[in-house]
C-alpha atoms as a PDB file:
ATOM      1  CA  MET A   1      -0.051  -0.035  -0.074  1.00  0.00           C
ATOM      2  CA  LYS A   2       2.839   2.369   0.930  1.00  0.00           C
ATOM      3  CA  GLU A   3       4.361   1.618  -2.523  1.00  0.00           C
ATOM      4  CA  SER A   4       1.306   2.438  -4.352  1.00  0.00           C
ATOM      5  CA  ILE A   5       0.878   5.837  -2.412  1.00  0.00           C
ATOM      6  CA  ASP A   6       4.513   6.730  -2.823  1.00  0.00           C
ATOM      7  CA  THR A   7       3.903   5.998  -6.682  1.00  0.00           C
ATOM      8  CA  PHE A   8       1.057   8.543  -6.888  1.00  0.00           C
ATOM      9  CA  LYS A   9       2.952  11.133  -4.892  1.00  0.00           C
ATOM     10  CA  ARG A  10       5.852  10.760  -7.134  1.00  0.00           C
ATOM     11  CA  LEU A  11       3.527  11.310 -10.167  1.00  0.00           C
ATOM     12  CA  GLU A  12       2.058  14.253  -8.647  1.00  0.00           C
ATOM     13  CA  SER A  13       5.352  15.728  -7.980  1.00  0.00           C
ATOM     14  CA  ILE A  14       6.649  15.308 -11.629  1.00  0.00           C
ATOM     15  CA  HIS A  15       3.362  16.810 -12.927  1.00  0.00           C
ATOM     16  CA  GLY A  16       3.740  19.680 -10.600  1.00  0.00           C
ATOM     17  CA  ASP A  17       7.281  20.480 -11.742  1.00  0.00           C
ATOM     18  CA  CYS A  18       6.193  20.047 -15.403  1.00  0.00           C
ATOM     19  CA  GLU A  19       3.577  22.838 -14.860  1.00  0.00           C
ATOM     20  CA  VAL A  20       6.129  25.275 -12.991  1.00  0.00           C
ATOM     21  CA  SER A  21       8.620  24.555 -15.679  1.00  0.00           C
ATOM     22  CA  LEU A  22       6.261  25.246 -18.513  1.00  0.00           C
ATOM     23  CA  GLY A  23       5.027  28.411 -16.846  1.00  0.00           C
ATOM     24  CA  LEU A  24       8.506  29.726 -16.671  1.00  0.00           C
ATOM     25  CA  ALA A  25       9.108  28.717 -20.326  1.00  0.00           C
ATOM     26  CA  VAL A  26       6.149  30.846 -21.362  1.00  0.00           C
ATOM     27  CA  GLU A  27       6.944  33.845 -19.328  1.00  0.00           C
ATOM     28  CA  SER A  28      10.672  34.080 -19.899  1.00  0.00           C
ATOM     29  CA  GLY A  29      10.877  32.422 -23.399  1.00  0.00           C
ATOM     30  CA  ASP A  30      14.079  30.687 -22.177  1.00  0.00           C
ATOM     31  CA  ARG A  31      14.687  27.399 -24.129  1.00  0.00           C
ATOM     32  CA  ASP A  32      16.231  25.680 -21.251  1.00  0.00           C
ATOM     33  CA  PHE A  33      12.797  25.759 -19.430  1.00  0.00           C
ATOM     34  CA  LEU A  34      11.209  24.360 -22.446  1.00  0.00           C
ATOM     35  CA  ASP A  35      13.769  21.536 -22.578  1.00  0.00           C
ATOM     36  CA  GLU A  36      13.156  20.652 -18.941  1.00  0.00           C
ATOM     37  CA  THR A  37       9.489  20.617 -19.576  1.00  0.00           C
ATOM     38  CA  LEU A  38       9.832  18.100 -22.349  1.00  0.00           C
ATOM     39  CA  ARG A  39      12.201  15.894 -20.182  1.00  0.00           C
ATOM     40  CA  LEU A  40       9.691  15.906 -17.211  1.00  0.00           C
ATOM     41  CA  LEU A  41       6.896  15.015 -19.747  1.00  0.00           C
ATOM     42  CA  ARG A  42       8.943  12.001 -20.992  1.00  0.00           C
ATOM     43  CA  GLU A  43       9.514  10.996 -17.537  1.00  0.00           C
ATOM     44  CA  LEU A  44       5.940  11.452 -16.455  1.00  0.00           C
ATOM     45  CA  GLU A  45       4.921   9.385 -19.618  1.00  0.00           C
ATOM     46  CA  GLU A  46       7.233   6.604 -18.667  1.00  0.00           C
ATOM     47  CA  GLU A  47       5.996   6.388 -14.925  1.00  0.00           C
ATOM     48  CA  ILE A  48       2.340   6.422 -16.100  1.00  0.00           C
ATOM     49  CA  GLY A  49       3.215   3.592 -18.572  1.00  0.00           C
ATOM     50  CA  LYS A  50       4.666   1.455 -15.737  1.00  0.00           C
ATOM     51  CA  LEU A  51       1.652   2.059 -13.629  1.00  0.00           C
ATOM     52  CA  GLU A  52      -0.705   1.163 -16.358  1.00  0.00           C
ATOM     53  CA  PHE A  53       1.388  -2.063 -16.869  1.00  0.00           C
ATOM     54  CA  ARG A  54       1.197  -2.818 -13.069  1.00  0.00           C
ATOM     55  CA  CYS A  55      -2.698  -2.373 -13.080  1.00  0.00           C
ATOM     56  CA  LYS A  56      -2.793  -5.343 -15.495  1.00  0.00           C
ATOM     57  CA  MET A  57      -1.528  -7.520 -12.510  1.00  0.00           C
ATOM     58  CA  ARG A  58      -4.894  -7.959 -11.027  1.00  0.00           C
ATOM     59  CA  GLY A  59      -5.402 -11.716 -11.424  1.00  0.00           C
ATOM     60  CA  GLU A  60      -5.965 -13.930  -8.434  1.00  0.00           C
ATOM     61  CA  PHE A  61      -2.420 -15.372  -8.556  1.00  0.00           C
ATOM     62  CA  ASP A  62      -0.567 -12.717 -10.323  1.00  0.00           C
ATOM     63  CA  ARG A  63       1.569 -11.801  -7.305  1.00  0.00           C
ATOM     64  CA  THR A  64       2.685 -15.300  -6.585  1.00  0.00           C
ATOM     65  CA  ASP A  65       5.758 -17.347  -7.703  1.00  0.00           C
ATOM     66  CA  ALA A  66       5.731 -19.252 -11.004  1.00  0.00           C
ATOM     67  CA  ILE A  67       6.362 -22.730 -11.886  1.00  0.00           C
ATOM     68  CA  VAL A  68       7.595 -22.939 -15.366  1.00  0.00           C
ATOM     69  CA  GLU A  69       7.757 -26.266 -17.297  1.00  0.00           C
ATOM     70  CA  ILE A  70       9.702 -26.544 -20.623  1.00  0.00           C
ATOM     71  CA  ASN A  71       9.261 -29.506 -22.924  1.00  0.00           C
ATOM     72  CA  GLY A  72      10.923 -30.253 -26.015  1.00  0.00           C
ATOM     73  CA  GLY A  73       8.458 -31.298 -28.853  1.00  0.00           C
ATOM     74  CA  SER A  74       8.700 -33.940 -31.627  1.00  0.00           C
ATOM     75  CA  GLY A  75      11.972 -33.575 -33.434  1.00  0.00           C
ATOM     76  CA  GLY A  76      14.504 -35.331 -31.264  1.00  0.00           C
ATOM     77  CA  THR A  77      17.813 -33.512 -30.691  1.00  0.00           C
ATOM     78  CA  GLU A  78      16.620 -30.252 -32.442  1.00  0.00           C
ATOM     79  CA  ALA A  79      13.445 -29.908 -30.351  1.00  0.00           C
ATOM     80  CA  GLN A  80      15.531 -30.816 -27.077  1.00  0.00           C
ATOM     81  CA  ASP A  81      18.251 -28.164 -27.884  1.00  0.00           C
ATOM     82  CA  TRP A  82      15.437 -25.624 -28.445  1.00  0.00           C
ATOM     83  CA  ALA A  83      14.104 -26.470 -25.088  1.00  0.00           C
ATOM     84  CA  LEU A  84      17.516 -25.842 -23.486  1.00  0.00           C
ATOM     85  CA  MET A  85      17.670 -22.569 -25.269  1.00  0.00           C
ATOM     86  CA  LEU A  86      14.250 -21.549 -23.676  1.00  0.00           C
ATOM     87  CA  PHE A  87      15.216 -22.708 -20.359  1.00  0.00           C
ATOM     88  CA  ARG A  88      18.368 -20.440 -20.385  1.00  0.00           C
ATOM     89  CA  MET A  89      16.231 -17.521 -21.748  1.00  0.00           C
ATOM     90  CA  TYR A  90      14.102 -17.723 -18.921  1.00  0.00           C
ATOM     91  CA  VAL A  91      16.739 -18.124 -16.282  1.00  0.00           C
ATOM     92  CA  ARG A  92      18.450 -15.115 -17.738  1.00  0.00           C
ATOM     93  CA  TRP A  93      15.184 -13.064 -17.651  1.00  0.00           C
ATOM     94  CA  ALA A  94      14.631 -13.829 -13.955  1.00  0.00           C
ATOM     95  CA  GLU A  95      18.245 -12.873 -13.148  1.00  0.00           C
ATOM     96  CA  ARG A  96      17.713  -9.579 -14.879  1.00  0.00           C
ATOM     97  CA  LYS A  97      14.526  -9.054 -12.832  1.00  0.00           C
ATOM     98  CA  GLY A  98      16.320  -9.770  -9.607  1.00  0.00           C
ATOM     99  CA  LEU A  99      14.105 -12.880  -9.238  1.00  0.00           C
ATOM    100  CA  LYS A 100      15.270 -16.203  -7.541  1.00  0.00           C
ATOM    101  CA  VAL A 101      15.416 -19.230  -9.709  1.00  0.00           C
ATOM    102  CA  GLU A 102      15.218 -22.833  -8.422  1.00  0.00           C
ATOM    103  CA  GLU A 103      15.593 -26.048 -10.529  1.00  0.00           C
ATOM    104  CA  LEU A 104      12.871 -28.475  -9.480  1.00  0.00           C
ATOM    105  CA  ASP A 105      13.414 -31.057 -12.326  1.00  0.00           C
ATOM    106  CA  TYR A 106      15.853 -31.442 -15.335  1.00  0.00           C
ATOM    107  CA  GLN A 107      15.913 -34.261 -17.762  1.00  0.00           C
ATOM    108  CA  PRO A 108      18.751 -33.925 -20.107  1.00  0.00           C
ATOM    109  CA  GLY A 109      18.434 -34.953 -23.804  1.00  0.00           C
ATOM    110  CA  ASP A 110      19.847 -37.918 -25.270  1.00  0.00           C
ATOM    111  CA  VAL A 111      22.458 -36.016 -27.300  1.00  0.00           C
ATOM    112  CA  ALA A 112      22.175 -32.375 -26.390  1.00  0.00           C
ATOM    113  CA  GLY A 113      19.620 -30.092 -24.731  1.00  0.00           C
ATOM    114  CA  ILE A 114      16.877 -31.171 -22.404  1.00  0.00           C
ATOM    115  CA  LYS A 115      13.777 -33.323 -22.771  1.00  0.00           C
ATOM    116  CA  ASN A 116      12.023 -31.318 -20.210  1.00  0.00           C
ATOM    117  CA  ALA A 117      12.735 -29.094 -17.060  1.00  0.00           C
ATOM    118  CA  THR A 118      10.800 -27.428 -14.288  1.00  0.00           C
ATOM    119  CA  LEU A 119      11.828 -24.060 -12.789  1.00  0.00           C
ATOM    120  CA  LEU A 120      10.416 -22.391  -9.647  1.00  0.00           C
ATOM    121  CA  ILE A 121      10.780 -18.489 -10.350  1.00  0.00           C
ATOM    122  CA  GLN A 122      10.373 -16.750  -7.027  1.00  0.00           C
ATOM    123  CA  GLY A 123       9.737 -12.897  -6.671  1.00  0.00           C
ATOM    124  CA  GLU A 124       6.711 -10.515  -6.839  1.00  0.00           C
ATOM    125  CA  PHE A 125       4.509 -10.782  -9.929  1.00  0.00           C
ATOM    126  CA  ALA A 126       6.571 -13.724 -11.222  1.00  0.00           C
ATOM    127  CA  TYR A 127       3.405 -15.430 -12.318  1.00  0.00           C
ATOM    128  CA  GLY A 128       1.778 -12.311 -13.661  1.00  0.00           C
ATOM    129  CA  TYR A 129       4.676 -11.710 -16.008  1.00  0.00           C
ATOM    130  CA  LEU A 130       5.260 -15.286 -17.054  1.00  0.00           C
ATOM    131  CA  ARG A 131       1.546 -16.336 -17.844  1.00  0.00           C
ATOM    132  CA  SER A 132       2.142 -14.475 -21.093  1.00  0.00           C
ATOM    133  CA  GLU A 133       4.695 -17.204 -21.937  1.00  0.00           C
ATOM    134  CA  GLN A 134       2.329 -20.240 -21.931  1.00  0.00           C
ATOM    135  CA  GLY A 135       2.143 -21.855 -25.196  1.00  0.00           C
ATOM    136  CA  VAL A 136       4.196 -23.314 -28.022  1.00  0.00           C
ATOM    137  CA  HIS A 137       7.382 -21.536 -29.196  1.00  0.00           C
ATOM    138  CA  ARG A 138       8.799 -22.123 -32.722  1.00  0.00           C
ATOM    139  CA  LEU A 139      12.304 -21.863 -33.713  1.00  0.00           C
ATOM    140  CA  VAL A 140      13.735 -21.738 -37.330  1.00  0.00           C
ATOM    141  CA  ARG A 141      17.371 -21.950 -38.014  1.00  0.00           C
ATOM    142  CA  ILE A 142      20.187 -23.788 -39.830  1.00  0.00           C
ATOM    143  CA  SER A 143      20.634 -26.914 -37.522  1.00  0.00           C
ATOM    144  CA  PRO A 144      24.005 -27.243 -35.900  1.00  0.00           C
ATOM    145  CA  PHE A 145      23.380 -31.029 -35.814  1.00  0.00           C
ATOM    146  CA  ASP A 146      22.744 -31.323 -39.567  1.00  0.00           C
ATOM    147  CA  SER A 147      25.959 -32.081 -41.558  1.00  0.00           C
ATOM    148  CA  ASN A 148      24.107 -30.760 -44.617  1.00  0.00           C
ATOM    149  CA  ALA A 149      23.528 -27.435 -42.848  1.00  0.00           C
ATOM    150  CA  ARG A 150      19.784 -27.441 -43.700  1.00  0.00           C
ATOM    151  CA  ARG A 151      17.015 -25.197 -42.203  1.00  0.00           C
ATOM    152  CA  HIS A 152      15.070 -26.865 -39.452  1.00  0.00           C
ATOM    153  CA  THR A 153      11.909 -25.850 -37.595  1.00  0.00           C
ATOM    154  CA  SER A 154      11.664 -27.000 -33.942  1.00  0.00           C
ATOM    155  CA  PHE A 155       8.917 -26.681 -31.502  1.00  0.00           C
ATOM    156  CA  ALA A 156       8.837 -26.522 -27.587  1.00  0.00           C
ATOM    157  CA  SER A 157       6.064 -26.041 -25.161  1.00  0.00           C
ATOM    158  CA  VAL A 158       6.031 -23.688 -22.146  1.00  0.00           C
ATOM    159  CA  SER A 159       3.495 -24.363 -19.364  1.00  0.00           C
ATOM    160  CA  VAL A 160       3.243 -21.710 -16.571  1.00  0.00           C
ATOM    161  CA  THR A 161       1.494 -22.353 -13.075  1.00  0.00           C
ATOM    162  CA  PRO A 162       1.257 -20.141  -9.990  1.00  0.00           C
ATOM    163  CA  ASP A 163       2.975 -21.643  -7.038  1.00  0.00           C
ATOM    164  CA  ILE A 164       0.065 -21.227  -4.651  1.00  0.00           C
ATOM    165  CA  GLU A 165       1.650 -20.962  -1.077  1.00  0.00           C
ATOM    166  CA  GLU A 166      -1.521 -22.050   0.709  1.00  0.00           C
ATOM    167  CA  GLU A 167      -2.773 -25.541   0.310  1.00  0.00           C
ATOM    168  CA  VAL A 168      -5.334 -25.698  -2.453  1.00  0.00           C
ATOM    169  CA  GLU A 169      -8.454 -27.482  -1.682  1.00  0.00           C
ATOM    170  CA  VAL A 170      -8.407 -30.038  -4.751  1.00  0.00           C
ATOM    171  CA  GLU A 171      -9.810 -33.604  -4.302  1.00  0.00           C
ATOM    172  CA  ILE A 172      -7.414 -36.111  -5.518  1.00  0.00           C
ATOM    173  CA  ASP A 173      -8.327 -39.941  -5.555  1.00  0.00           C
ATOM    174  CA  GLU A 174      -5.117 -41.998  -4.777  1.00  0.00           C
ATOM    175  CA  LYS A 175      -6.467 -44.439  -7.546  1.00  0.00           C
ATOM    176  CA  ASP A 176      -5.979 -41.616 -10.127  1.00  0.00           C
ATOM    177  CA  LEU A 177      -2.218 -41.323  -9.495  1.00  0.00           C
ATOM    178  CA  ARG A 178       0.784 -43.070 -10.788  1.00  0.00           C
ATOM    179  CA  ILE A 179       3.879 -42.376  -8.759  1.00  0.00           C
ATOM    180  CA  ASP A 180       7.313 -43.266 -10.170  1.00  0.00           C
ATOM    181  CA  THR A 181      10.641 -42.821  -8.466  1.00  0.00           C
ATOM    182  CA  TYR A 182      14.055 -42.443 -10.076  1.00  0.00           C
ATOM    183  CA  ARG A 183      17.368 -41.184  -9.692  1.00  0.00           C
ATOM    184  CA  SER A 184      18.021 -37.566  -9.914  1.00  0.00           C
ATOM    185  CA  SER A 185      19.823 -36.422 -13.103  1.00  0.00           C
ATOM    186  CA  GLY A 186      20.599 -32.822 -12.572  1.00  0.00           C
ATOM    187  CA  ALA A 187      23.572 -31.195 -11.466  1.00  0.00           C
ATOM    188  CA  GLY A 188      22.835 -31.363  -7.806  1.00  0.00           C
ATOM    189  CA  GLY A 189      24.875 -32.425  -4.683  1.00  0.00           C
ATOM    190  CA  GLN A 190      26.217 -35.589  -3.423  1.00  0.00           C
ATOM    191  CA  HIS A 191      22.907 -37.426  -3.085  1.00  0.00           C
ATOM    192  CA  VAL A 192      22.324 -37.181  -6.933  1.00  0.00           C
ATOM    193  CA  ASN A 193      22.401 -40.378  -8.764  1.00  0.00           C
ATOM    194  CA  LYS A 194      22.895 -42.386  -5.529  1.00  0.00           C
ATOM    195  CA  THR A 195      19.257 -43.045  -4.522  1.00  0.00           C
ATOM    196  CA  ASP A 196      15.886 -43.007  -5.999  1.00  0.00           C
ATOM    197  CA  SER A 197      14.971 -39.842  -4.596  1.00  0.00           C
ATOM    198  CA  ALA A 198      13.338 -38.124  -7.500  1.00  0.00           C
ATOM    199  CA  VAL A 199       9.419 -38.501  -7.711  1.00  0.00           C
ATOM    200  CA  ARG A 200       7.246 -38.222 -10.837  1.00  0.00           C
ATOM    201  CA  ILE A 201       3.449 -38.201 -10.381  1.00  0.00           C
ATOM    202  CA  THR A 202       1.084 -38.731 -13.125  1.00  0.00           C
ATOM    203  CA  HIS A 203      -2.585 -37.830 -12.684  1.00  0.00           C
ATOM    204  CA  LEU A 204      -4.194 -40.324 -15.056  1.00  0.00           C
ATOM    205  CA  PRO A 205      -7.707 -38.648 -15.706  1.00  0.00           C
ATOM    206  CA  THR A 206      -6.063 -35.586 -17.167  1.00  0.00           C
ATOM    207  CA  GLY A 207      -2.633 -36.802 -18.160  1.00  0.00           C
ATOM    208  CA  ILE A 208      -0.898 -33.976 -16.207  1.00  0.00           C
ATOM    209  CA  VAL A 209       2.676 -35.057 -15.180  1.00  0.00           C
ATOM    210  CA  VAL A 210       4.753 -33.212 -12.345  1.00  0.00           C
ATOM    211  CA  ALA A 211       8.153 -34.145 -11.205  1.00  0.00           C
ATOM    212  CA  CYS A 212      10.460 -33.011  -8.568  1.00  0.00           C
ATOM    213  CA  GLN A 213      14.060 -33.944  -7.838  1.00  0.00           C
ATOM    214  CA  ASN A 214      15.738 -31.045  -6.029  1.00  0.00           C
ATOM    215  CA  GLU A 215      15.160 -32.238  -2.607  1.00  0.00           C
ATOM    216  CA  ARG A 216      17.308 -34.788  -0.774  1.00  0.00           C
ATOM    217  CA  SER A 217      14.533 -37.224   0.254  1.00  0.00           C
ATOM    218  CA  GLN A 218      11.813 -39.023  -1.677  1.00  0.00           C
ATOM    219  CA  HIS A 219       9.259 -37.861   0.825  1.00  0.00           C
ATOM    220  CA  LYS A 220      10.042 -34.226   0.360  1.00  0.00           C
ATOM    221  CA  ASN A 221      10.140 -34.498  -3.374  1.00  0.00           C
ATOM    222  CA  LYS A 222       6.751 -36.176  -3.279  1.00  0.00           C
ATOM    223  CA  ALA A 223       5.101 -33.577  -1.126  1.00  0.00           C
ATOM    224  CA  ARG A 224       6.555 -30.728  -3.400  1.00  0.00           C
ATOM    225  CA  ALA A 225       5.287 -32.585  -6.487  1.00  0.00           C
ATOM    226  CA  MET A 226       1.773 -33.009  -5.029  1.00  0.00           C
ATOM    227  CA  LYS A 227       1.840 -29.377  -4.209  1.00  0.00           C
ATOM    228  CA  ILE A 228       2.548 -28.574  -7.670  1.00  0.00           C
ATOM    229  CA  LEU A 229      -0.160 -30.971  -8.953  1.00  0.00           C
ATOM    230  CA  LYS A 230      -2.861 -29.515  -6.832  1.00  0.00           C
ATOM    231  CA  ALA A 231      -1.866 -25.996  -8.278  1.00  0.00           C
ATOM    232  CA  LYS A 232      -1.969 -27.170 -11.855  1.00  0.00           C
ATOM    233  CA  LEU A 233      -5.486 -28.919 -11.339  1.00  0.00           C
ATOM    234  CA  HIS A 234      -6.788 -25.826  -9.827  1.00  0.00           C
ATOM    235  CA  GLU A 235      -5.405 -23.621 -12.539  1.00  0.00           C
ATOM    236  CA  ARG A 236      -6.856 -26.352 -15.158  1.00  0.00           C
ATOM    237  CA  GLU A 237     -10.345 -26.049 -13.643  1.00  0.00           C
ATOM    238  CA  GLN A 238     -10.230 -22.199 -13.644  1.00  0.00           C
ATOM    239  CA  ARG A 239      -9.167 -22.268 -17.453  1.00  0.00           C
ATOM    240  CA  LEU A 240     -11.920 -24.581 -18.349  1.00  0.00           C
ATOM    241  CA  GLN A 241     -14.402 -22.191 -16.591  1.00  0.00           C
ATOM    242  CA  GLU A 242     -13.074 -19.299 -18.459  1.00  0.00           C
ATOM    243  CA  GLU A 243     -13.166 -21.170 -21.758  1.00  0.00           C
ATOM    244  CA  LYS A 244     -16.826 -22.032 -21.166  1.00  0.00           C
ATOM    245  CA  MET A 245     -17.711 -18.483 -20.446  1.00  0.00           C
ATOM    246  CA  GLU A 246     -15.975 -17.351 -23.595  1.00  0.00           C
ATOM    247  CA  GLN A 247     -17.838 -19.867 -25.652  1.00  0.00           C
ATOM    248  CA  VAL A 248     -21.140 -18.606 -24.213  1.00  0.00           C
ATOM    249  CA  LYS A 249     -20.167 -14.953 -25.012  1.00  0.00           C
ATOM    250  CA  GLY A 250     -19.075 -15.975 -28.585  1.00  0.00           C
ATOM    251  CA  GLN A 251     -15.609 -14.501 -27.986  1.00  0.00           C
ATOM    252  CA  ARG A 252     -12.535 -15.887 -29.659  1.00  0.00           C
ATOM    253  CA  LYS A 253      -9.861 -17.148 -27.173  1.00  0.00           C
ATOM    254  CA  LYS A 254      -6.980 -15.006 -27.058  1.00  0.00           C
ATOM    255  CA  ILE A 255      -4.532 -17.823 -26.101  1.00  0.00           C
ATOM    256  CA  ASP A 256      -4.883 -21.530 -26.607  1.00  0.00           C
ATOM    257  CA  PHE A 257      -2.990 -23.952 -24.182  1.00  0.00           C
ATOM    258  CA  GLY A 258      -1.431 -25.717 -27.104  1.00  0.00           C
ATOM    259  CA  SER A 259      -1.099 -22.960 -29.813  1.00  0.00           C
ATOM    260  CA  GLN A 260       2.006 -21.501 -31.334  1.00  0.00           C
ATOM    261  CA  ILE A 261       2.453 -18.102 -29.716  1.00  0.00           C
ATOM    262  CA  ARG A 262       5.876 -16.886 -30.861  1.00  0.00           C
ATOM    263  CA  SER A 263       8.262 -17.614 -33.732  1.00  0.00           C
ATOM    264  CA  TYR A 264      12.026 -17.203 -33.439  1.00  0.00           C
ATOM    265  CA  VAL A 265      13.626 -17.034 -36.829  1.00  0.00           C
ATOM    266  CA  LEU A 266      17.452 -17.055 -36.934  1.00  0.00           C
ATOM    267  CA  GLN A 267      17.890 -17.894 -40.653  1.00  0.00           C
ATOM    268  CA  PRO A 268      17.563 -16.922 -43.452  1.00  0.00           C
ATOM    269  CA  TYR A 269      16.710 -13.528 -41.545  1.00  0.00           C
ATOM    270  CA  GLN A 270      16.456 -12.622 -37.755  1.00  0.00           C
ATOM    271  CA  LEU A 271      13.255 -11.843 -36.489  1.00  0.00           C
ATOM    272  CA  VAL A 272      11.166 -12.666 -33.129  1.00  0.00           C
ATOM    273  CA  LYS A 273       7.566 -12.314 -33.626  1.00  0.00           C
ATOM    274  CA  ASP A 274       4.558 -12.840 -31.222  1.00  0.00           C
ATOM    275  CA  VAL A 275       1.488 -14.002 -33.323  1.00  0.00           C
ATOM    276  CA  ARG A 276      -0.859 -12.803 -30.670  1.00  0.00           C
ATOM    277  CA  THR A 277       0.096  -9.132 -30.328  1.00  0.00           C
ATOM    278  CA  GLU A 278       2.162  -8.810 -33.692  1.00  0.00           C
ATOM    279  CA  TYR A 279       4.945  -7.301 -31.685  1.00  0.00           C
ATOM    280  CA  GLU A 280       8.418  -8.196 -33.396  1.00  0.00           C
ATOM    281  CA  THR A 281      12.042  -7.461 -33.060  1.00  0.00           C
ATOM    282  CA  SER A 282      14.993  -8.350 -34.996  1.00  0.00           C
ATOM    283  CA  SER A 283      17.316  -8.402 -31.854  1.00  0.00           C
ATOM    284  CA  VAL A 284      17.135 -12.286 -31.707  1.00  0.00           C
ATOM    285  CA  ASP A 285      20.291 -12.625 -29.670  1.00  0.00           C
ATOM    286  CA  ALA A 286      19.084 -10.172 -26.961  1.00  0.00           C
ATOM    287  CA  VAL A 287      15.639 -12.053 -26.731  1.00  0.00           C
ATOM    288  CA  LEU A 288      17.311 -15.349 -26.281  1.00  0.00           C
ATOM    289  CA  ASP A 289      19.520 -13.696 -23.628  1.00  0.00           C
ATOM    290  CA  GLY A 290      16.458 -12.974 -21.606  1.00  0.00           C
ATOM    291  CA  GLU A 291      15.329  -9.571 -23.009  1.00  0.00           C
ATOM    292  CA  ILE A 292      11.762 -10.508 -23.318  1.00  0.00           C
ATOM    293  CA  ASP A 293       9.984  -7.781 -21.228  1.00  0.00           C
ATOM    294  CA  GLU A 294       8.686  -5.966 -24.344  1.00  0.00           C
ATOM    295  CA  PHE A 295       6.774  -9.132 -25.388  1.00  0.00           C
ATOM    296  CA  ILE A 296       5.408  -9.712 -22.124  1.00  0.00           C
ATOM    297  CA  GLU A 297       4.295  -6.021 -21.666  1.00  0.00           C
ATOM    298  CA  ALA A 298       2.826  -5.892 -25.297  1.00  0.00           C
ATOM    299  CA  TYR A 299       0.600  -9.081 -24.457  1.00  0.00           C
ATOM    300  CA  LEU A 300      -0.427  -7.898 -21.126  1.00  0.00           C
ATOM    301  CA  LEU A 301      -1.275  -4.377 -22.155  1.00  0.00           C
ATOM    302  CA  ALA A 302      -3.440  -5.775 -24.992  1.00  0.00           C
ATOM    303  CA  ASP A 303      -5.176  -8.310 -22.653  1.00  0.00           C
END
């Protein structure tokens, strides 16, 4: 609340300084006062833009941490390498935002990249930002794994779920669960690859799969995985209700859970384009290094 009040006080202060500077520019005809007025107007516009974006964070779970799952699509090594590129992109984005990143699950690819991975990104509005990233991401490039240097198209999916701190009231029948244990495959500590401490839970009716391997004990990993499963089932039910309402209203869905949301073209030209907002940039390297704020803002401000 204090932050919100301080923001409005700062806006009022900049607005007041702008009025004074403009008055002095009119009275004196001094160009310096006019330049100061324009500088203050730009600052005011930037601050209001930030506030407008923050106002979009009004969802029930927008302030919560985010669980980000990345899965390589069909295509073997190509798709698995693309999944790893996305993994690094979100880690770099989180680091730039000052958010904490915890690796919950990591399954390396057969040759390169990853089959799938799960990240917990912690910090205010982590889910509010990252919910815009949910969907299928498409990569076009000259394959580094193709001896003939042909152009390949790869797909990877990103799923984002709020990490709900309080226990979610979701009824789960034990008969609907398949629980598998396996040895951790990440880069963790001494316990990795020595015990079957990693846990994978499959919810058979929905096909939802969650896994956790970062804790030292199987019991803790199971508890963490169950918490994630409940959050995903809760989010799924909410999404189904929203889709029903949109169908009743006759509205077209803005984002489909399994649809392509963004294309990353590295060859024959360089372009990253979001198909939902039409926002695009040729700064492909910067985007893959985590500079995705403009895509996030374009999506949320258009929502």
